[in-house]
Amino acid sequence: VQLQASGGGLVQTGGSLRLACVASGTGNFFRLNSVAWYRHTPGEQRDLVISWLHTASGDRRTAADSAKGRFTVSRSSAENTMYLQMNSLEPSDSAVYYCARANGYSTNWREYYNWGQGTQVTVSS
């Protein structure tokens, strides 16, 4: 399985972006796996944006405080894609954003793997 994030770019403060994470090599990926969006800035550790696990009894999600009320995650089974909708962007959101998977539900980046190439988000003030 390979995960590839895309959709980053340059946006002004208050703007929006929608990132996509495409899973290749398997079907129904985002229905069957614990996945997450992380972001990374140079010199800092990877920070969780949103982690997400779909189960038969409902979804389990954890969002960073900075993401609550502004960022939402969704998926398209047909496209085998997970989306991160980011609204009201701020300069502090500037980072490289990655998607990854874990074997079980986790908010610890060390338990995630299949880190694809990230996508750069830059928010200008």
PDB file of N, CA and C in Angstrom:
ATOM      1  N   VAL A   1       0.843  -1.186   0.000  1.00  0.00           N
ATOM      2  CA  VAL A   1       0.000   0.000   0.000  1.00  0.00           C
ATOM      3  C   VAL A   1       0.884   1.243   0.000  1.00  0.00           C
ATOM      4  N   GLN A   2       0.492   2.186  -0.805  1.00  0.00           N
ATOM      5  CA  GLN A   2       1.163   3.485  -0.810  1.00  0.00           C
ATOM      6  C   GLN A   2       0.133   4.572  -0.566  1.00  0.00           C
ATOM      7  N   LEU A   3       0.521   5.539   0.234  1.00  0.00           N
ATOM      8  CA  LEU A   3      -0.320   6.694   0.506  1.00  0.00           C
ATOM      9  C   LEU A   3       0.348   7.928  -0.076  1.00  0.00           C
ATOM     10  N   GLN A   4      -0.418   8.735  -0.755  1.00  0.00           N
ATOM     11  CA  GLN A   4       0.121   9.934  -1.376  1.00  0.00           C
ATOM     12  C   GLN A   4      -0.767  11.114  -1.043  1.00  0.00           C
ATOM     13  N   ALA A   5      -0.180  12.090  -0.379  1.00  0.00           N
ATOM     14  CA  ALA A   5      -0.904  13.315  -0.041  1.00  0.00           C
ATOM     15  C   ALA A   5      -0.702  14.355  -1.124  1.00  0.00           C
ATOM     16  N   SER A   6      -1.740  15.137  -1.359  1.00  0.00           N
ATOM     17  CA  SER A   6      -1.660  16.212  -2.344  1.00  0.00           C
ATOM     18  C   SER A   6      -2.646  17.301  -1.973  1.00  0.00           C
ATOM     19  N   GLY A   7      -2.593  18.405  -2.702  1.00  0.00           N
ATOM     20  CA  GLY A   7      -3.553  19.473  -2.495  1.00  0.00           C
ATOM     21  C   GLY A   7      -3.031  20.679  -1.749  1.00  0.00           C
ATOM     22  N   GLY A   8      -1.785  20.608  -1.313  1.00  0.00           N
ATOM     23  CA  GLY A   8      -1.217  21.753  -0.614  1.00  0.00           C
ATOM     24  C   GLY A   8      -0.972  22.918  -1.547  1.00  0.00           C
ATOM     25  N   GLY A   9      -0.587  24.026  -0.954  1.00  0.00           N
ATOM     26  CA  GLY A   9      -0.304  25.209  -1.749  1.00  0.00           C
ATOM     27  C   GLY A   9      -0.159  26.422  -0.876  1.00  0.00           C
ATOM     28  N   LEU A  10      -0.173  27.568  -1.523  1.00  0.00           N
ATOM     29  CA  LEU A  10      -0.050  28.847  -0.835  1.00  0.00           C
ATOM     30  C   LEU A  10      -1.432  29.482  -0.736  1.00  0.00           C
ATOM     31  N   VAL A  11      -1.799  29.895   0.458  1.00  0.00           N
ATOM     32  CA  VAL A  11      -3.109  30.496   0.675  1.00  0.00           C
ATOM     33  C   VAL A  11      -2.964  31.626   1.684  1.00  0.00           C
ATOM     34  N   GLN A  12      -3.843  32.591   1.602  1.00  0.00           N
ATOM     35  CA  GLN A  12      -3.803  33.693   2.549  1.00  0.00           C
ATOM     36  C   GLN A  12      -4.504  33.321   3.842  1.00  0.00           C
ATOM     37  N   THR A  13      -4.176  34.044   4.884  1.00  0.00           N
ATOM     38  CA  THR A  13      -4.841  33.846   6.172  1.00  0.00           C
ATOM     39  C   THR A  13      -6.351  33.935   6.001  1.00  0.00           C
ATOM     40  N   GLY A  14      -7.044  32.964   6.601  1.00  0.00           N
ATOM     41  CA  GLY A  14      -8.496  32.914   6.486  1.00  0.00           C
ATOM     42  C   GLY A  14      -8.982  32.069   5.330  1.00  0.00           C
ATOM     43  N   GLY A  15      -8.070  31.650   4.482  1.00  0.00           N
ATOM     44  CA  GLY A  15      -8.440  30.849   3.322  1.00  0.00           C
ATOM     45  C   GLY A  15      -8.637  29.381   3.658  1.00  0.00           C
ATOM     46  N   SER A  16      -8.928  28.599   2.628  1.00  0.00           N
ATOM     47  CA  SER A  16      -9.204  27.174   2.796  1.00  0.00           C
ATOM     48  C   SER A  16      -8.396  26.351   1.799  1.00  0.00           C
ATOM     49  N   LEU A  17      -8.143  25.134   2.189  1.00  0.00           N
ATOM     50  CA  LEU A  17      -7.531  24.146   1.307  1.00  0.00           C
ATOM     51  C   LEU A  17      -8.159  22.795   1.602  1.00  0.00           C
ATOM     52  N   ARG A  18      -8.211  21.949   0.602  1.00  0.00           N
ATOM     53  CA  ARG A  18      -8.616  20.568   0.808  1.00  0.00           C
ATOM     54  C   ARG A  18      -7.494  19.658   0.359  1.00  0.00           C
ATOM     55  N   LEU A  19      -6.955  18.927   1.309  1.00  0.00           N
ATOM     56  CA  LEU A  19      -5.901  17.973   1.021  1.00  0.00           C
ATOM     57  C   LEU A  19      -6.518  16.611   0.738  1.00  0.00           C
ATOM     58  N   ALA A  20      -5.848  15.849  -0.100  1.00  0.00           N
ATOM     59  CA  ALA A  20      -6.294  14.503  -0.429  1.00  0.00           C
ATOM     60  C   ALA A  20      -5.200  13.495  -0.120  1.00  0.00           C
ATOM     61  N   CYS A  21      -5.607  12.348   0.337  1.00  0.00           N
ATOM     62  CA  CYS A  21      -4.682  11.240   0.584  1.00  0.00           C
ATOM     63  C   CYS A  21      -5.224  10.043  -0.184  1.00  0.00           C
ATOM     64  N   VAL A  22      -4.499   9.651  -1.204  1.00  0.00           N
ATOM     65  CA  VAL A  22      -4.935   8.540  -2.048  1.00  0.00           C
ATOM     66  C   VAL A  22      -4.180   7.279  -1.663  1.00  0.00           C
ATOM     67  N   ALA A  23      -4.916   6.202  -1.461  1.00  0.00           N
ATOM     68  CA  ALA A  23      -4.307   4.906  -1.157  1.00  0.00           C
ATOM     69  C   ALA A  23      -4.283   4.070  -2.425  1.00  0.00           C
ATOM     70  N   SER A  24      -3.133   3.603  -2.779  1.00  0.00           N
ATOM     71  CA  SER A  24      -3.008   2.742  -3.961  1.00  0.00           C
ATOM     72  C   SER A  24      -2.529   1.365  -3.530  1.00  0.00           C
ATOM     73  N   GLY A  25      -2.952   0.369  -4.259  1.00  0.00           N
ATOM     74  CA  GLY A  25      -2.521  -0.987  -3.971  1.00  0.00           C
ATOM     75  C   GLY A  25      -3.529  -1.818  -3.207  1.00  0.00           C
ATOM     76  N   THR A  26      -4.640  -1.202  -2.807  1.00  0.00           N
ATOM     77  CA  THR A  26      -5.676  -1.942  -2.100  1.00  0.00           C
ATOM     78  C   THR A  26      -6.986  -1.177  -2.180  1.00  0.00           C
ATOM     79  N   GLY A  27      -8.093  -1.860  -1.981  1.00  0.00           N
ATOM     80  CA  GLY A  27      -9.378  -1.192  -2.022  1.00  0.00           C
ATOM     81  C   GLY A  27      -9.947  -0.985  -0.629  1.00  0.00           C
ATOM     82  N   ASN A  28     -10.952  -0.118  -0.539  1.00  0.00           N
ATOM     83  CA  ASN A  28     -11.634   0.160   0.738  1.00  0.00           C
ATOM     84  C   ASN A  28     -10.644   0.474   1.858  1.00  0.00           C
ATOM     85  N   PHE A  29      -9.571   1.098   1.519  1.00  0.00           N
ATOM     86  CA  PHE A  29      -8.497   1.295   2.499  1.00  0.00           C
ATOM     87  C   PHE A  29      -8.965   2.085   3.707  1.00  0.00           C
ATOM     88  N   PHE A  30      -9.673   3.171   3.472  1.00  0.00           N
ATOM     89  CA  PHE A  30     -10.011   4.065   4.572  1.00  0.00           C
ATOM     90  C   PHE A  30     -11.202   3.572   5.379  1.00  0.00           C
ATOM     91  N   ARG A  31     -11.810   2.484   4.960  1.00  0.00           N
ATOM     92  CA  ARG A  31     -12.849   1.858   5.772  1.00  0.00           C
ATOM     93  C   ARG A  31     -12.258   0.808   6.700  1.00  0.00           C
ATOM     94  N   LEU A  32     -11.062   0.362   6.423  1.00  0.00           N
ATOM     95  CA  LEU A  32     -10.517  -0.798   7.120  1.00  0.00           C
ATOM     96  C   LEU A  32      -9.307  -0.485   7.990  1.00  0.00           C
ATOM     97  N   ASN A  33      -8.805   0.742   7.936  1.00  0.00           N
ATOM     98  CA  ASN A  33      -7.555   1.047   8.625  1.00  0.00           C
ATOM     99  C   ASN A  33      -7.663   2.305   9.477  1.00  0.00           C
ATOM    100  N   SER A  34      -6.842   2.330  10.511  1.00  0.00           N
ATOM    101  CA  SER A  34      -6.689   3.537  11.306  1.00  0.00           C
ATOM    102  C   SER A  34      -5.749   4.465  10.550  1.00  0.00           C
ATOM    103  N   VAL A  35      -6.190   5.653  10.301  1.00  0.00           N
ATOM    104  CA  VAL A  35      -5.406   6.594   9.507  1.00  0.00           C
ATOM    105  C   VAL A  35      -5.338   7.933  10.207  1.00  0.00           C
ATOM    106  N   ALA A  36      -4.422   8.760   9.760  1.00  0.00           N
ATOM    107  CA  ALA A  36      -4.269  10.059  10.396  1.00  0.00           C
ATOM    108  C   ALA A  36      -3.618  11.042   9.445  1.00  0.00           C
ATOM    109  N   TRP A  37      -3.866  12.298   9.715  1.00  0.00           N
ATOM    110  CA  TRP A  37      -3.133  13.400   9.117  1.00  0.00           C
ATOM    111  C   TRP A  37      -2.200  13.946  10.186  1.00  0.00           C
ATOM    112  N   TYR A  38      -0.954  14.114   9.809  1.00  0.00           N
ATOM    113  CA  TYR A  38       0.037  14.752  10.654  1.00  0.00           C
ATOM    114  C   TYR A  38       0.638  15.920   9.880  1.00  0.00           C
ATOM    115  N   ARG A  39       1.275  16.817  10.616  1.00  0.00           N
ATOM    116  CA  ARG A  39       2.001  17.894   9.965  1.00  0.00           C
ATOM    117  C   ARG A  39       3.353  18.077  10.633  1.00  0.00           C
ATOM    118  N   HIS A  40       4.269  18.610   9.852  1.00  0.00           N
ATOM    119  CA  HIS A  40       5.647  18.717  10.328  1.00  0.00           C
ATOM    120  C   HIS A  40       6.266  20.005   9.827  1.00  0.00           C
ATOM    121  N   THR A  41       6.878  20.718  10.742  1.00  0.00           N
ATOM    122  CA  THR A  41       7.668  21.893  10.386  1.00  0.00           C
ATOM    123  C   THR A  41       9.113  21.626  10.782  1.00  0.00           C
ATOM    124  N   PRO A  42      10.074  22.182  10.061  1.00  0.00           N
ATOM    125  CA  PRO A  42      11.491  21.927  10.350  1.00  0.00           C
ATOM    126  C   PRO A  42      11.843  22.222  11.798  1.00  0.00           C
ATOM    127  N   GLY A  43      12.564  21.280  12.411  1.00  0.00           N
ATOM    128  CA  GLY A  43      12.993  21.468  13.788  1.00  0.00           C
ATOM    129  C   GLY A  43      11.962  21.064  14.816  1.00  0.00           C
ATOM    130  N   GLU A  44      10.795  20.673  14.362  1.00  0.00           N
ATOM    131  CA  GLU A  44       9.737  20.280  15.280  1.00  0.00           C
ATOM    132  C   GLU A  44       9.389  18.803  15.070  1.00  0.00           C
ATOM    133  N   GLN A  45       8.724  18.210  16.038  1.00  0.00           N
ATOM    134  CA  GLN A  45       8.263  16.838  15.851  1.00  0.00           C
ATOM    135  C   GLN A  45       6.976  16.869  15.045  1.00  0.00           C
ATOM    136  N   ARG A  46       6.605  15.719  14.564  1.00  0.00           N
ATOM    137  CA  ARG A  46       5.356  15.621  13.815  1.00  0.00           C
ATOM    138  C   ARG A  46       4.174  15.794  14.770  1.00  0.00           C
ATOM    139  N   ASP A  47       3.267  16.648  14.381  1.00  0.00           N
ATOM    140  CA  ASP A  47       2.101  16.930  15.203  1.00  0.00           C
ATOM    141  C   ASP A  47       0.854  16.316  14.588  1.00  0.00           C
ATOM    142  N   LEU A  48       0.072  15.695  15.428  1.00  0.00           N
ATOM    143  CA  LEU A  48      -1.193  15.138  14.967  1.00  0.00           C
ATOM    144  C   LEU A  48      -2.142  16.247  14.560  1.00  0.00           C
ATOM    145  N   VAL A  49      -2.792  16.049  13.432  1.00  0.00           N
ATOM    146  CA  VAL A  49      -3.881  16.937  13.024  1.00  0.00           C
ATOM    147  C   VAL A  49      -5.201  16.247  13.365  1.00  0.00           C
ATOM    148  N   ILE A  50      -5.444  15.107  12.741  1.00  0.00           N
ATOM    149  CA  ILE A  50      -6.635  14.298  13.026  1.00  0.00           C
ATOM    150  C   ILE A  50      -6.296  12.825  12.828  1.00  0.00           C
ATOM    151  N   SER A  51      -6.691  12.000  13.772  1.00  0.00           N
ATOM    152  CA  SER A  51      -6.613  10.553  13.605  1.00  0.00           C
ATOM    153  C   SER A  51      -8.029  10.020  13.483  1.00  0.00           C
ATOM    154  N   TRP A  52      -8.188   8.907  12.768  1.00  0.00           N
ATOM    155  CA  TRP A  52      -9.533   8.466  12.394  1.00  0.00           C
ATOM    156  C   TRP A  52      -9.551   6.969  12.172  1.00  0.00           C
ATOM    157  N   LEU A  53     -10.531   6.333  12.805  1.00  0.00           N
ATOM    158  CA  LEU A  53     -10.747   4.911  12.585  1.00  0.00           C
ATOM    159  C   LEU A  53     -12.229   4.685  12.371  1.00  0.00           C
ATOM    160  N   HIS A  54     -12.543   4.061  11.272  1.00  0.00           N
ATOM    161  CA  HIS A  54     -13.929   3.724  10.982  1.00  0.00           C
ATOM    162  C   HIS A  54     -14.212   2.322  11.497  1.00  0.00           C
ATOM    163  N   THR A  55     -15.260   2.169  12.275  1.00  0.00           N
ATOM    164  CA  THR A  55     -15.661   0.851  12.758  1.00  0.00           C
ATOM    165  C   THR A  55     -17.136   0.630  12.437  1.00  0.00           C
ATOM    166  N   ALA A  56     -17.586  -0.591  12.614  1.00  0.00           N
ATOM    167  CA  ALA A  56     -18.978  -0.918  12.332  1.00  0.00           C
ATOM    168  C   ALA A  56     -19.928  -0.165  13.265  1.00  0.00           C
ATOM    169  N   SER A  57     -19.441   0.191  14.448  1.00  0.00           N
ATOM    170  CA  SER A  57     -20.285   0.874  15.423  1.00  0.00           C
ATOM    171  C   SER A  57     -20.146   2.381  15.364  1.00  0.00           C
ATOM    172  N   GLY A  58     -19.314   2.866  14.458  1.00  0.00           N
ATOM    173  CA  GLY A  58     -19.152   4.303  14.308  1.00  0.00           C
ATOM    174  C   GLY A  58     -17.714   4.700  14.149  1.00  0.00           C
ATOM    175  N   ASP A  59     -17.498   5.967  13.913  1.00  0.00           N
ATOM    176  CA  ASP A  59     -16.146   6.465  13.716  1.00  0.00           C
ATOM    177  C   ASP A  59     -15.534   6.932  15.027  1.00  0.00           C
ATOM    178  N   ARG A  60     -14.231   6.736  15.130  1.00  0.00           N
ATOM    179  CA  ARG A  60     -13.477   7.242  16.267  1.00  0.00           C
ATOM    180  C   ARG A  60     -12.470   8.253  15.729  1.00  0.00           C
ATOM    181  N   ARG A  61     -12.485   9.449  16.285  1.00  0.00           N
ATOM    182  CA  ARG A  61     -11.605  10.508  15.795  1.00  0.00           C
ATOM    183  C   ARG A  61     -10.999  11.278  16.951  1.00  0.00           C
ATOM    184  N   THR A  62      -9.802  11.735  16.737  1.00  0.00           N
ATOM    185  CA  THR A  62      -9.150  12.648  17.661  1.00  0.00           C
ATOM    186  C   THR A  62      -8.570  13.781  16.844  1.00  0.00           C
ATOM    187  N   ALA A  63      -8.920  14.995  17.214  1.00  0.00           N
ATOM    188  CA  ALA A  63      -8.409  16.156  16.513  1.00  0.00           C
ATOM    189  C   ALA A  63      -7.568  16.990  17.465  1.00  0.00           C
ATOM    190  N   ALA A  64      -6.483  17.520  16.946  1.00  0.00           N
ATOM    191  CA  ALA A  64      -5.682  18.448  17.734  1.00  0.00           C
ATOM    192  C   ALA A  64      -6.524  19.666  18.087  1.00  0.00           C
ATOM    193  N   ASP A  65      -6.226  20.286  19.202  1.00  0.00           N
ATOM    194  CA  ASP A  65      -6.980  21.471  19.608  1.00  0.00           C
ATOM    195  C   ASP A  65      -6.962  22.539  18.514  1.00  0.00           C
ATOM    196  N   SER A  66      -5.832  22.645  17.836  1.00  0.00           N
ATOM    197  CA  SER A  66      -5.704  23.660  16.788  1.00  0.00           C
ATOM    198  C   SER A  66      -6.580  23.362  15.583  1.00  0.00           C
ATOM    199  N   ALA A  67      -7.004  22.103  15.455  1.00  0.00           N
ATOM    200  CA  ALA A  67      -7.808  21.702  14.302  1.00  0.00           C
ATOM    201  C   ALA A  67      -9.312  21.741  14.588  1.00  0.00           C
ATOM    202  N   LYS A  68      -9.673  21.670  15.828  1.00  0.00           N
ATOM    203  CA  LYS A  68     -11.092  21.602  16.186  1.00  0.00           C
ATOM    204  C   LYS A  68     -11.838  22.847  15.720  1.00  0.00           C
ATOM    205  N   GLY A  69     -12.952  22.600  15.081  1.00  0.00           N
ATOM    206  CA  GLY A  69     -13.772  23.701  14.582  1.00  0.00           C
ATOM    207  C   GLY A  69     -13.324  24.261  13.247  1.00  0.00           C
ATOM    208  N   ARG A  70     -12.158  23.852  12.766  1.00  0.00           N
ATOM    209  CA  ARG A  70     -11.659  24.382  11.497  1.00  0.00           C
ATOM    210  C   ARG A  70     -11.385  23.289  10.473  1.00  0.00           C
ATOM    211  N   PHE A  71     -10.931  22.130  10.927  1.00  0.00           N
ATOM    212  CA  PHE A  71     -10.532  21.059  10.014  1.00  0.00           C
ATOM    213  C   PHE A  71     -11.506  19.897  10.145  1.00  0.00           C
ATOM    214  N   THR A  72     -11.856  19.293   9.032  1.00  0.00           N
ATOM    215  CA  THR A  72     -12.685  18.097   9.050  1.00  0.00           C
ATOM    216  C   THR A  72     -12.101  17.059   8.098  1.00  0.00           C
ATOM    217  N   VAL A  73     -12.369  15.809   8.409  1.00  0.00           N
ATOM    218  CA  VAL A  73     -11.848  14.713   7.606  1.00  0.00           C
ATOM    219  C   VAL A  73     -13.028  13.936   7.025  1.00  0.00           C
ATOM    220  N   SER A  74     -12.863  13.459   5.820  1.00  0.00           N
ATOM    221  CA  SER A  74     -13.889  12.667   5.174  1.00  0.00           C
ATOM    222  C   SER A  74     -13.209  11.684   4.228  1.00  0.00           C
ATOM    223  N   ARG A  75     -13.983  10.816   3.650  1.00  0.00           N
ATOM    224  CA  ARG A  75     -13.397   9.846   2.729  1.00  0.00           C
ATOM    225  C   ARG A  75     -14.348   9.583   1.579  1.00  0.00           C
ATOM    226  N   SER A  76     -13.759   9.114   0.503  1.00  0.00           N
ATOM    227  CA  SER A  76     -14.519   8.652  -0.644  1.00  0.00           C
ATOM    228  C   SER A  76     -14.105   7.206  -0.902  1.00  0.00           C
ATOM    229  N   SER A  77     -14.993   6.286  -0.605  1.00  0.00           N
ATOM    230  CA  SER A  77     -14.662   4.877  -0.820  1.00  0.00           C
ATOM    231  C   SER A  77     -14.424   4.592  -2.299  1.00  0.00           C
ATOM    232  N   ALA A  78     -15.237   5.214  -3.143  1.00  0.00           N
ATOM    233  CA  ALA A  78     -15.100   4.983  -4.573  1.00  0.00           C
ATOM    234  C   ALA A  78     -13.741   5.412  -5.088  1.00  0.00           C
ATOM    235  N   GLU A  79     -13.216   6.472  -4.515  1.00  0.00           N
ATOM    236  CA  GLU A  79     -11.931   7.002  -4.965  1.00  0.00           C
ATOM    237  C   GLU A  79     -10.781   6.508  -4.110  1.00  0.00           C
ATOM    238  N   ASN A  80     -11.102   5.719  -3.054  1.00  0.00           N
ATOM    239  CA  ASN A  80     -10.053   5.260  -2.130  1.00  0.00           C
ATOM    240  C   ASN A  80      -9.218   6.429  -1.637  1.00  0.00           C
ATOM    241  N   THR A  81      -9.913   7.470  -1.258  1.00  0.00           N
ATOM    242  CA  THR A  81      -9.259   8.731  -0.907  1.00  0.00           C
ATOM    243  C   THR A  81      -9.809   9.276   0.399  1.00  0.00           C
ATOM    244  N   MET A  82      -8.925   9.851   1.199  1.00  0.00           N
ATOM    245  CA  MET A  82      -9.309  10.556   2.411  1.00  0.00           C
ATOM    246  C   MET A  82      -9.005  12.035   2.200  1.00  0.00           C
ATOM    247  N   TYR A  83      -9.899  12.870   2.670  1.00  0.00           N
ATOM    248  CA  TYR A  83      -9.737  14.304   2.498  1.00  0.00           C
ATOM    249  C   TYR A  83      -9.571  14.995   3.854  1.00  0.00           C
ATOM    250  N   LEU A  84      -8.824  16.062   3.842  1.00  0.00           N
ATOM    251  CA  LEU A  84      -8.720  16.950   4.993  1.00  0.00           C
ATOM    252  C   LEU A  84      -9.129  18.338   4.518  1.00  0.00           C
ATOM    253  N   GLN A  85     -10.301  18.772   4.961  1.00  0.00           N
ATOM    254  CA  GLN A  85     -10.785  20.105   4.633  1.00  0.00           C
ATOM    255  C   GLN A  85     -10.300  21.058   5.711  1.00  0.00           C
ATOM    256  N   MET A  86      -9.553  22.057   5.309  1.00  0.00           N
ATOM    257  CA  MET A  86      -8.982  23.004   6.255  1.00  0.00           C
ATOM    258  C   MET A  86      -9.534  24.390   5.951  1.00  0.00           C
ATOM    259  N   ASN A  87     -10.208  24.951   6.935  1.00  0.00           N
ATOM    260  CA  ASN A  87     -10.804  26.282   6.801  1.00  0.00           C
ATOM    261  C   ASN A  87     -10.176  27.242   7.794  1.00  0.00           C
ATOM    262  N   SER A  88     -10.378  28.515   7.547  1.00  0.00           N
ATOM    263  CA  SER A  88      -9.867  29.557   8.442  1.00  0.00           C
ATOM    264  C   SER A  88      -8.383  29.350   8.737  1.00  0.00           C
ATOM    265  N   LEU A  89      -7.633  29.145   7.705  1.00  0.00           N
ATOM    266  CA  LEU A  89      -6.212  28.848   7.873  1.00  0.00           C
ATOM    267  C   LEU A  89      -5.449  30.033   8.439  1.00  0.00           C
ATOM    268  N   GLU A  90      -4.432  29.702   9.223  1.00  0.00           N
ATOM    269  CA  GLU A  90      -3.579  30.691   9.882  1.00  0.00           C
ATOM    270  C   GLU A  90      -2.125  30.395   9.536  1.00  0.00           C
ATOM    271  N   PRO A  91      -1.261  31.388   9.634  1.00  0.00           N
ATOM    272  CA  PRO A  91       0.158  31.144   9.348  1.00  0.00           C
ATOM    273  C   PRO A  91       0.746  29.989  10.162  1.00  0.00           C
ATOM    274  N   SER A  92       0.248  29.775  11.373  1.00  0.00           N
ATOM    275  CA  SER A  92       0.743  28.684  12.211  1.00  0.00           C
ATOM    276  C   SER A  92       0.374  27.306  11.652  1.00  0.00           C
ATOM    277  N   ASP A  93      -0.509  27.258  10.665  1.00  0.00           N
ATOM    278  CA  ASP A  93      -0.854  25.992  10.018  1.00  0.00           C
ATOM    279  C   ASP A  93       0.138  25.605   8.930  1.00  0.00           C
ATOM    280  N   SER A  94       1.050  26.491   8.617  1.00  0.00           N
ATOM    281  CA  SER A  94       2.045  26.211   7.576  1.00  0.00           C
ATOM    282  C   SER A  94       2.914  25.035   8.008  1.00  0.00           C
ATOM    283  N   ALA A  95       2.992  24.038   7.156  1.00  0.00           N
ATOM    284  CA  ALA A  95       3.753  22.825   7.457  1.00  0.00           C
ATOM    285  C   ALA A  95       3.668  21.897   6.255  1.00  0.00           C
ATOM    286  N   VAL A  96       4.412  20.811   6.332  1.00  0.00           N
ATOM    287  CA  VAL A  96       4.220  19.719   5.382  1.00  0.00           C
ATOM    288  C   VAL A  96       3.226  18.753   6.020  1.00  0.00           C
ATOM    289  N   TYR A  97       2.180  18.437   5.287  1.00  0.00           N
ATOM    290  CA  TYR A  97       1.129  17.568   5.798  1.00  0.00           C
ATOM    291  C   TYR A  97       1.282  16.167   5.210  1.00  0.00           C
ATOM    292  N   TYR A  98       1.154  15.174   6.089  1.00  0.00           N
ATOM    293  CA  TYR A  98       1.303  13.780   5.704  1.00  0.00           C
ATOM    294  C   TYR A  98       0.072  12.985   6.123  1.00  0.00           C
ATOM    295  N   CYS A  99      -0.204  11.943   5.385  1.00  0.00           N
ATOM    296  CA  CYS A  99      -1.172  10.954   5.844  1.00  0.00           C
ATOM    297  C   CYS A  99      -0.417   9.648   6.078  1.00  0.00           C
ATOM    298  N   ALA A 100      -0.936   8.839   6.976  1.00  0.00           N
ATOM    299  CA  ALA A 100      -0.280   7.594   7.344  1.00  0.00           C
ATOM    300  C   ALA A 100      -1.304   6.651   7.964  1.00  0.00           C
ATOM    301  N   ARG A 101      -0.889   5.413   8.153  1.00  0.00           N
ATOM    302  CA  ARG A 101      -1.779   4.413   8.715  1.00  0.00           C
ATOM    303  C   ARG A 101      -1.157   3.806   9.962  1.00  0.00           C
ATOM    304  N   ALA A 102      -1.997   3.221  10.798  1.00  0.00           N
ATOM    305  CA  ALA A 102      -1.538   2.489  11.975  1.00  0.00           C
ATOM    306  C   ALA A 102      -2.306   1.179  12.060  1.00  0.00           C
ATOM    307  N   ASN A 103      -1.758   0.238  12.815  1.00  0.00           N
ATOM    308  CA  ASN A 103      -2.426  -1.057  12.949  1.00  0.00           C
ATOM    309  C   ASN A 103      -3.651  -0.976  13.846  1.00  0.00           C
ATOM    310  N   GLY A 104      -3.623  -0.092  14.784  1.00  0.00           N
ATOM    311  CA  GLY A 104      -4.761   0.124  15.658  1.00  0.00           C
ATOM    312  C   GLY A 104      -4.942   1.604  15.870  1.00  0.00           C
ATOM    313  N   TYR A 105      -6.003   1.970  16.533  1.00  0.00           N
ATOM    314  CA  TYR A 105      -6.245   3.396  16.742  1.00  0.00           C
ATOM    315  C   TYR A 105      -5.139   3.994  17.607  1.00  0.00           C
ATOM    316  N   SER A 106      -4.577   5.087  17.172  1.00  0.00           N
ATOM    317  CA  SER A 106      -3.469   5.694  17.898  1.00  0.00           C
ATOM    318  C   SER A 106      -3.383   7.180  17.602  1.00  0.00           C
ATOM    319  N   THR A 107      -2.826   7.918  18.555  1.00  0.00           N
ATOM    320  CA  THR A 107      -2.492   9.323  18.345  1.00  0.00           C
ATOM    321  C   THR A 107      -0.987   9.534  18.446  1.00  0.00           C
ATOM    322  N   ASN A 108      -0.239   8.453  18.490  1.00  0.00           N
ATOM    323  CA  ASN A 108       1.221   8.493  18.575  1.00  0.00           C
ATOM    324  C   ASN A 108       1.817   8.285  17.183  1.00  0.00           C
ATOM    325  N   TRP A 109       2.528   9.284  16.691  1.00  0.00           N
ATOM    326  CA  TRP A 109       3.022   9.187  15.320  1.00  0.00           C
ATOM    327  C   TRP A 109       3.980   8.027  15.128  1.00  0.00           C
ATOM    328  N   ARG A 110       4.623   7.577  16.203  1.00  0.00           N
ATOM    329  CA  ARG A 110       5.567   6.463  16.084  1.00  0.00           C
ATOM    330  C   ARG A 110       4.869   5.154  15.734  1.00  0.00           C
ATOM    331  N   GLU A 111       3.575   5.092  15.922  1.00  0.00           N
ATOM    332  CA  GLU A 111       2.840   3.877  15.613  1.00  0.00           C
ATOM    333  C   GLU A 111       2.270   3.893  14.199  1.00  0.00           C
ATOM    334  N   TYR A 112       2.550   4.961  13.477  1.00  0.00           N
ATOM    335  CA  TYR A 112       2.065   5.079  12.111  1.00  0.00           C
ATOM    336  C   TYR A 112       3.165   4.725  11.122  1.00  0.00           C
ATOM    337  N   TYR A 113       2.754   4.233   9.973  1.00  0.00           N
ATOM    338  CA  TYR A 113       3.693   3.893   8.928  1.00  0.00           C
ATOM    339  C   TYR A 113       3.037   4.144   7.573  1.00  0.00           C
ATOM    340  N   ASN A 114       3.698   3.738   6.514  1.00  0.00           N
ATOM    341  CA  ASN A 114       3.245   4.054   5.158  1.00  0.00           C
ATOM    342  C   ASN A 114       3.147   5.561   4.963  1.00  0.00           C
ATOM    343  N   TRP A 115       4.102   6.284   5.540  1.00  0.00           N
ATOM    344  CA  TRP A 115       4.117   7.727   5.340  1.00  0.00           C
ATOM    345  C   TRP A 115       4.433   8.004   3.884  1.00  0.00           C
ATOM    346  N   GLY A 116       3.508   8.616   3.232  1.00  0.00           N
ATOM    347  CA  GLY A 116       3.764   8.981   1.855  1.00  0.00           C
ATOM    348  C   GLY A 116       4.509  10.305   1.783  1.00  0.00           C
ATOM    349  N   GLN A 117       4.745  10.746   0.588  1.00  0.00           N
ATOM    350  CA  GLN A 117       5.335  12.051   0.403  1.00  0.00           C
ATOM    351  C   GLN A 117       4.311  13.092   0.824  1.00  0.00           C
ATOM    352  N   GLY A 118       4.709  14.020   1.634  1.00  0.00           N
ATOM    353  CA  GLY A 118       3.792  15.017   2.146  1.00  0.00           C
ATOM    354  C   GLY A 118       3.481  16.099   1.132  1.00  0.00           C
ATOM    355  N   THR A 119       2.619  16.992   1.534  1.00  0.00           N
ATOM    356  CA  THR A 119       2.256  18.120   0.695  1.00  0.00           C
ATOM    357  C   THR A 119       2.415  19.405   1.513  1.00  0.00           C
ATOM    358  N   GLN A 120       3.050  20.397   0.916  1.00  0.00           N
ATOM    359  CA  GLN A 120       3.369  21.628   1.620  1.00  0.00           C
ATOM    360  C   GLN A 120       2.174  22.575   1.651  1.00  0.00           C
ATOM    361  N   VAL A 121       1.869  23.047   2.833  1.00  0.00           N
ATOM    362  CA  VAL A 121       0.850  24.076   3.019  1.00  0.00           C
ATOM    363  C   VAL A 121       1.535  25.314   3.565  1.00  0.00           C
ATOM    364  N   THR A 122       1.341  26.420   2.895  1.00  0.00           N
ATOM    365  CA  THR A 122       1.913  27.687   3.340  1.00  0.00           C
ATOM    366  C   THR A 122       0.793  28.713   3.427  1.00  0.00           C
ATOM    367  N   VAL A 123       0.659  29.306   4.602  1.00  0.00           N
ATOM    368  CA  VAL A 123      -0.376  30.300   4.825  1.00  0.00           C
ATOM    369  C   VAL A 123       0.310  31.647   5.054  1.00  0.00           C
ATOM    370  N   SER A 124       0.026  32.567   4.188  1.00  0.00           N
ATOM    371  CA  SER A 124       0.661  33.879   4.289  1.00  0.00           C
ATOM    372  C   SER A 124      -0.192  34.805   5.154  1.00  0.00           C
ATOM    373  N   SER A 125       0.496  35.711   5.829  1.00  0.00           N
ATOM    374  CA  SER A 125      -0.222  36.644   6.715  1.00  0.00           C
ATOM    375  C   SER A 125      -0.630  37.905   5.978  1.00  0.00           C
TER     376      SER A 125
END
